[in-house]
């Protein structure tokens, strides 16, 4: 049951993040760098759908007032949240986190993305 709840939470986060990214896309998004943001958030994996909705809404409301930054998606685990953002300025990522009240443990630029299709 807990696995099912966790999968539901991930689906919900993905849906909210896709809506957010789509709403913020501009022609310059393709030129932005991608970053993985690690956030230490105790018991993040226990957040309810309502909690995640509220967090997503807070993030989107801050992003609406910012330019040069796009939230792509986030992954919720036990005590961490990993977010993918696009920007050319890590200071914008830090500013978004500060305004939204989100912690930032680390910000890493994504150099490449691989998966099963890479093997073909």
N, C-alpha and C. Protein backbone atom coordinates (compact mmCIF):
# COMPACT_ATOMS: atom_id res chain seq x y z
N UNK A 1 0.83 -1.20 0.00
CA UNK A 1 0.00 0.00 0.00
C UNK A 1 0.87 1.26 0.00
N UNK A 2 1.98 1.22 0.80
CA UNK A 2 2.86 2.38 0.88
C UNK A 2 3.51 2.63 -0.48
N UNK A 3 3.88 1.53 -1.21
CA UNK A 3 4.46 1.70 -2.54
C UNK A 3 3.47 2.36 -3.47
N UNK A 4 2.23 1.96 -3.39
CA UNK A 4 1.19 2.54 -4.24
C UNK A 4 1.02 4.02 -3.93
N UNK A 5 1.03 4.38 -2.65
CA UNK A 5 0.91 5.79 -2.24
C UNK A 5 2.11 6.59 -2.77
N UNK A 6 3.31 6.01 -2.64
CA UNK A 6 4.51 6.69 -3.12
C UNK A 6 4.45 6.91 -4.62
N UNK A 7 4.00 5.90 -5.37
CA UNK A 7 3.87 6.06 -6.83
C UNK A 7 2.84 7.13 -7.16
N UNK A 8 1.76 7.18 -6.40
CA UNK A 8 0.74 8.20 -6.62
C UNK A 8 1.29 9.59 -6.37
N UNK A 9 2.12 9.71 -5.35
CA UNK A 9 2.75 10.99 -5.02
C UNK A 9 3.67 11.42 -6.16
N UNK A 10 4.48 10.48 -6.67
CA UNK A 10 5.39 10.81 -7.77
C UNK A 10 4.62 11.22 -9.02
N UNK A 11 3.52 10.55 -9.29
CA UNK A 11 2.70 10.91 -10.45
C UNK A 11 2.15 12.32 -10.26
N UNK A 12 1.67 12.61 -9.06
CA UNK A 12 1.11 13.94 -8.78
C UNK A 12 2.17 15.02 -8.95
N UNK A 13 3.36 14.79 -8.40
CA UNK A 13 4.44 15.78 -8.52
C UNK A 13 4.80 15.97 -9.99
N UNK A 14 4.88 14.87 -10.73
CA UNK A 14 5.22 14.97 -12.15
C UNK A 14 4.18 15.76 -12.91
N UNK A 15 2.90 15.51 -12.65
CA UNK A 15 1.84 16.25 -13.32
C UNK A 15 1.93 17.74 -13.03
N UNK A 16 2.10 18.08 -11.75
CA UNK A 16 2.21 19.50 -11.40
C UNK A 16 3.44 20.14 -12.03
N UNK A 17 4.55 19.41 -12.06
CA UNK A 17 5.77 19.98 -12.63
C UNK A 17 5.65 20.14 -14.13
N UNK A 18 4.98 19.20 -14.82
CA UNK A 18 4.79 19.34 -16.26
C UNK A 18 3.91 20.53 -16.58
N UNK A 19 2.87 20.72 -15.80
CA UNK A 19 2.00 21.87 -16.00
C UNK A 19 2.79 23.15 -15.77
N UNK A 20 3.61 23.17 -14.73
CA UNK A 20 4.42 24.35 -14.44
C UNK A 20 5.39 24.64 -15.56
N UNK A 21 6.09 23.61 -16.03
CA UNK A 21 7.08 23.80 -17.08
C UNK A 21 6.41 24.25 -18.37
N UNK A 22 5.27 23.68 -18.71
CA UNK A 22 4.57 24.06 -19.93
C UNK A 22 4.11 25.50 -19.88
N UNK A 23 3.65 25.92 -18.73
CA UNK A 23 3.15 27.28 -18.58
C UNK A 23 4.27 28.30 -18.67
N UNK A 24 5.50 27.89 -18.38
CA UNK A 24 6.60 28.84 -18.33
C UNK A 24 7.52 28.76 -19.55
N UNK A 25 7.27 27.83 -20.47
CA UNK A 25 8.17 27.67 -21.60
C UNK A 25 8.20 28.90 -22.48
N UNK A 26 9.39 29.24 -22.92
CA UNK A 26 9.59 30.32 -23.88
C UNK A 26 10.54 29.81 -24.94
N UNK A 27 10.73 30.57 -26.00
CA UNK A 27 11.62 30.13 -27.06
C UNK A 27 13.07 30.04 -26.59
N UNK A 28 13.43 30.74 -25.52
CA UNK A 28 14.81 30.71 -25.04
C UNK A 28 15.09 29.53 -24.10
N UNK A 29 14.04 28.76 -23.71
CA UNK A 29 14.23 27.64 -22.79
C UNK A 29 15.22 26.62 -23.33
N UNK A 30 15.26 26.42 -24.64
CA UNK A 30 16.14 25.42 -25.22
C UNK A 30 17.60 25.79 -25.01
N UNK A 31 17.89 27.03 -24.78
CA UNK A 31 19.26 27.50 -24.59
C UNK A 31 19.70 27.43 -23.13
N UNK A 32 18.79 27.14 -22.23
CA UNK A 32 19.12 27.12 -20.80
C UNK A 32 19.84 25.84 -20.42
N UNK A 33 20.68 25.94 -19.40
CA UNK A 33 21.33 24.78 -18.82
C UNK A 33 20.35 24.09 -17.89
N UNK A 34 20.56 22.80 -17.66
CA UNK A 34 19.73 22.04 -16.72
C UNK A 34 20.52 21.78 -15.45
N UNK A 35 19.82 21.85 -14.32
CA UNK A 35 20.44 21.66 -13.02
C UNK A 35 19.62 20.68 -12.18
N UNK A 36 20.31 19.89 -11.37
CA UNK A 36 19.69 19.02 -10.40
C UNK A 36 19.88 19.66 -9.03
N UNK A 37 18.77 19.93 -8.36
CA UNK A 37 18.82 20.55 -7.04
C UNK A 37 18.45 19.49 -6.02
N UNK A 38 19.32 19.30 -5.04
CA UNK A 38 19.07 18.37 -3.96
C UNK A 38 18.56 19.17 -2.77
N UNK A 39 17.46 18.71 -2.18
CA UNK A 39 16.88 19.38 -1.02
C UNK A 39 16.71 18.36 0.11
N UNK A 40 17.34 18.60 1.25
CA UNK A 40 17.13 17.76 2.42
C UNK A 40 15.86 18.22 3.11
N UNK A 41 14.85 17.38 3.08
CA UNK A 41 13.55 17.69 3.69
C UNK A 41 13.10 16.45 4.47
N UNK A 42 13.29 16.45 5.79
CA UNK A 42 12.90 15.29 6.58
C UNK A 42 11.45 14.87 6.34
N UNK A 43 11.26 13.57 6.15
CA UNK A 43 9.95 12.95 5.96
C UNK A 43 9.22 13.44 4.70
N UNK A 44 9.97 13.90 3.71
CA UNK A 44 9.35 14.35 2.46
C UNK A 44 8.52 13.24 1.82
N UNK A 45 8.97 12.02 1.97
CA UNK A 45 8.25 10.88 1.40
C UNK A 45 6.90 10.63 2.05
N UNK A 46 6.64 11.30 3.17
CA UNK A 46 5.36 11.14 3.87
C UNK A 46 4.38 12.27 3.54
N UNK A 47 4.79 13.20 2.68
CA UNK A 47 3.89 14.29 2.32
C UNK A 47 2.62 13.74 1.67
N UNK A 48 1.50 14.34 2.00
CA UNK A 48 0.23 13.95 1.39
C UNK A 48 0.08 14.63 0.03
N UNK A 49 -0.91 14.20 -0.72
CA UNK A 49 -1.20 14.85 -2.00
C UNK A 49 -1.51 16.33 -1.79
N UNK A 50 -2.19 16.64 -0.71
CA UNK A 50 -2.51 18.04 -0.40
C UNK A 50 -1.23 18.83 -0.08
N UNK A 51 -0.31 18.20 0.65
CA UNK A 51 0.98 18.85 0.94
C UNK A 51 1.71 19.16 -0.36
N UNK A 52 1.79 18.18 -1.24
CA UNK A 52 2.51 18.34 -2.50
C UNK A 52 1.85 19.38 -3.40
N UNK A 53 0.54 19.41 -3.37
CA UNK A 53 -0.17 20.42 -4.15
C UNK A 53 0.18 21.82 -3.65
N UNK A 54 0.18 21.98 -2.34
CA UNK A 54 0.51 23.28 -1.75
C UNK A 54 1.94 23.70 -2.06
N UNK A 55 2.87 22.75 -1.97
CA UNK A 55 4.27 23.03 -2.29
C UNK A 55 4.39 23.43 -3.77
N UNK A 56 3.72 22.70 -4.64
CA UNK A 56 3.75 23.00 -6.07
C UNK A 56 3.17 24.37 -6.36
N UNK A 57 2.07 24.68 -5.71
CA UNK A 57 1.44 25.99 -5.92
C UNK A 57 2.35 27.12 -5.44
N UNK A 58 3.03 26.92 -4.31
CA UNK A 58 3.95 27.93 -3.80
C UNK A 58 5.09 28.15 -4.78
N UNK A 59 5.66 27.06 -5.27
CA UNK A 59 6.75 27.15 -6.23
C UNK A 59 6.31 27.89 -7.49
N UNK A 60 5.16 27.52 -8.03
CA UNK A 60 4.65 28.15 -9.25
C UNK A 60 4.36 29.63 -9.04
N UNK A 61 3.83 30.00 -7.87
CA UNK A 61 3.50 31.40 -7.64
C UNK A 61 4.77 32.26 -7.59
N UNK A 62 5.86 31.70 -7.07
CA UNK A 62 7.13 32.42 -7.06
C UNK A 62 7.70 32.49 -8.47
N UNK A 63 7.65 31.38 -9.19
CA UNK A 63 8.20 31.33 -10.55
C UNK A 63 7.48 32.26 -11.51
N UNK A 64 6.17 32.47 -11.29
CA UNK A 64 5.41 33.37 -12.16
C UNK A 64 5.99 34.78 -12.18
N UNK A 65 6.66 35.17 -11.10
CA UNK A 65 7.21 36.52 -10.98
C UNK A 65 8.69 36.57 -11.37
N UNK A 66 9.23 35.45 -11.84
CA UNK A 66 10.64 35.40 -12.18
C UNK A 66 10.82 35.07 -13.66
N UNK A 67 11.89 35.53 -14.23
CA UNK A 67 12.25 35.21 -15.61
C UNK A 67 13.60 34.52 -15.60
N UNK A 68 13.81 33.66 -16.59
CA UNK A 68 15.10 33.00 -16.72
C UNK A 68 15.26 31.75 -15.90
N UNK A 69 14.15 31.19 -15.43
CA UNK A 69 14.18 29.96 -14.63
C UNK A 69 12.90 29.17 -14.90
N UNK A 70 13.07 27.85 -15.08
CA UNK A 70 11.94 26.97 -15.36
C UNK A 70 12.07 25.72 -14.48
N UNK A 71 10.99 25.36 -13.82
CA UNK A 71 10.94 24.12 -13.04
C UNK A 71 10.49 23.03 -14.00
N UNK A 72 11.30 21.97 -14.14
CA UNK A 72 10.99 20.87 -15.05
C UNK A 72 10.21 19.79 -14.32
N UNK A 73 10.77 19.26 -13.23
CA UNK A 73 10.06 18.28 -12.41
C UNK A 73 10.82 18.04 -11.11
N UNK A 74 10.21 17.27 -10.22
CA UNK A 74 10.82 16.95 -8.93
C UNK A 74 10.54 15.50 -8.59
N UNK A 75 11.45 14.91 -7.81
CA UNK A 75 11.32 13.53 -7.37
C UNK A 75 11.38 13.52 -5.85
N UNK A 76 10.36 12.94 -5.22
CA UNK A 76 10.26 12.92 -3.77
C UNK A 76 10.70 11.56 -3.26
N UNK A 77 11.65 11.55 -2.32
CA UNK A 77 12.11 10.31 -1.69
C UNK A 77 11.90 10.42 -0.19
N UNK A 78 12.43 9.50 0.56
CA UNK A 78 12.24 9.48 2.01
C UNK A 78 12.48 10.80 2.70
N UNK A 79 13.71 11.30 2.64
CA UNK A 79 14.07 12.54 3.34
C UNK A 79 14.69 13.58 2.40
N UNK A 80 14.43 13.43 1.11
CA UNK A 80 14.99 14.36 0.13
C UNK A 80 14.00 14.60 -1.00
N UNK A 81 14.19 15.74 -1.65
CA UNK A 81 13.48 16.04 -2.89
C UNK A 81 14.56 16.46 -3.88
N UNK A 82 14.52 15.86 -5.07
CA UNK A 82 15.45 16.20 -6.14
C UNK A 82 14.66 16.90 -7.22
N UNK A 83 15.08 18.11 -7.58
CA UNK A 83 14.35 18.92 -8.57
C UNK A 83 15.23 19.19 -9.78
N UNK A 84 14.61 19.20 -10.94
CA UNK A 84 15.31 19.58 -12.16
C UNK A 84 14.79 20.94 -12.58
N UNK A 85 15.71 21.87 -12.74
CA UNK A 85 15.39 23.23 -13.18
C UNK A 85 16.22 23.58 -14.39
N UNK A 86 15.73 24.51 -15.18
CA UNK A 86 16.50 25.06 -16.28
C UNK A 86 16.72 26.54 -16.00
N UNK A 87 17.95 26.97 -16.21
CA UNK A 87 18.32 28.37 -16.02
C UNK A 87 19.75 28.53 -16.52
N UNK A 88 20.19 29.72 -16.67
CA UNK A 88 21.60 29.97 -16.95
C UNK A 88 22.27 30.66 -15.78
N UNK A 89 21.54 30.77 -14.67
CA UNK A 89 22.05 31.50 -13.52
C UNK A 89 21.65 30.77 -12.23
N UNK A 90 22.64 30.17 -11.57
CA UNK A 90 22.33 29.44 -10.33
C UNK A 90 21.81 30.38 -9.24
N UNK A 91 22.14 31.67 -9.36
CA UNK A 91 21.60 32.62 -8.37
C UNK A 91 20.07 32.70 -8.46
N UNK A 92 19.51 32.52 -9.65
CA UNK A 92 18.06 32.50 -9.79
C UNK A 92 17.46 31.28 -9.09
N UNK A 93 18.14 30.16 -9.17
CA UNK A 93 17.68 28.95 -8.49
C UNK A 93 17.69 29.18 -6.98
N UNK A 94 18.74 29.78 -6.47
CA UNK A 94 18.84 30.09 -5.04
C UNK A 94 17.78 31.11 -4.62
N UNK A 95 17.55 32.11 -5.47
CA UNK A 95 16.54 33.13 -5.18
C UNK A 95 15.15 32.51 -5.11
N UNK A 96 14.85 31.63 -6.06
CA UNK A 96 13.55 30.95 -6.05
C UNK A 96 13.37 30.17 -4.75
N UNK A 97 14.40 29.42 -4.37
CA UNK A 97 14.32 28.62 -3.15
C UNK A 97 14.09 29.50 -1.92
N UNK A 98 14.81 30.61 -1.86
CA UNK A 98 14.66 31.51 -0.72
C UNK A 98 13.25 32.10 -0.65
N UNK A 99 12.77 32.58 -1.80
CA UNK A 99 11.43 33.19 -1.82
C UNK A 99 10.32 32.18 -1.52
N UNK A 100 10.52 30.93 -1.96
CA UNK A 100 9.50 29.90 -1.74
C UNK A 100 9.65 29.22 -0.39
N UNK A 101 10.80 29.43 0.27
CA UNK A 101 11.02 28.81 1.57
C UNK A 101 11.50 27.37 1.47
N UNK A 102 12.18 27.02 0.36
CA UNK A 102 12.67 25.67 0.15
C UNK A 102 14.17 25.61 0.47
N UNK A 103 14.62 24.54 1.12
CA UNK A 103 16.05 24.41 1.36
C UNK A 103 16.79 24.00 0.08
N UNK A 104 18.07 24.34 0.01
CA UNK A 104 18.93 23.89 -1.08
C UNK A 104 20.16 23.26 -0.44
N UNK A 105 20.33 21.97 -0.67
CA UNK A 105 21.49 21.26 -0.16
C UNK A 105 22.63 21.35 -1.16
N UNK A 106 22.30 21.15 -2.44
CA UNK A 106 23.31 21.29 -3.48
C UNK A 106 22.64 21.58 -4.82
N UNK A 107 23.42 22.21 -5.70
CA UNK A 107 22.98 22.49 -7.07
C UNK A 107 24.08 21.95 -7.98
N UNK A 108 23.70 21.04 -8.87
CA UNK A 108 24.66 20.43 -9.78
C UNK A 108 24.18 20.61 -11.21
N UNK A 109 25.07 21.08 -12.08
CA UNK A 109 24.72 21.19 -13.49
C UNK A 109 24.66 19.80 -14.09
N UNK A 110 23.63 19.54 -14.89
CA UNK A 110 23.48 18.26 -15.56
C UNK A 110 24.24 18.33 -16.88
N UNK A 111 25.25 17.49 -17.01
CA UNK A 111 26.08 17.49 -18.21
C UNK A 111 25.47 16.68 -19.34
N UNK A 112 24.91 15.53 -19.00
CA UNK A 112 24.33 14.63 -19.99
C UNK A 112 23.19 13.86 -19.34
N UNK A 113 22.30 13.38 -20.17
CA UNK A 113 21.20 12.52 -19.71
C UNK A 113 21.30 11.23 -20.50
N UNK A 114 21.32 10.10 -19.78
CA UNK A 114 21.34 8.81 -20.46
C UNK A 114 20.21 7.95 -19.96
N UNK A 115 19.88 6.93 -20.71
CA UNK A 115 18.85 5.99 -20.34
C UNK A 115 18.94 4.80 -21.27
N UNK A 116 17.96 3.92 -21.23
CA UNK A 116 17.98 2.73 -22.07
C UNK A 116 18.15 3.03 -23.57
N UNK A 117 17.57 4.11 -24.03
CA UNK A 117 17.67 4.47 -25.44
C UNK A 117 19.10 4.84 -25.84
N UNK A 118 19.91 5.26 -24.86
CA UNK A 118 21.30 5.61 -25.14
C UNK A 118 22.08 4.40 -25.63
N UNK A 119 21.69 3.23 -25.18
CA UNK A 119 22.40 1.99 -25.54
C UNK A 119 22.19 1.59 -27.01
N UNK A 120 21.15 2.11 -27.62
CA UNK A 120 20.86 1.70 -29.01
C UNK A 120 21.62 2.53 -30.02
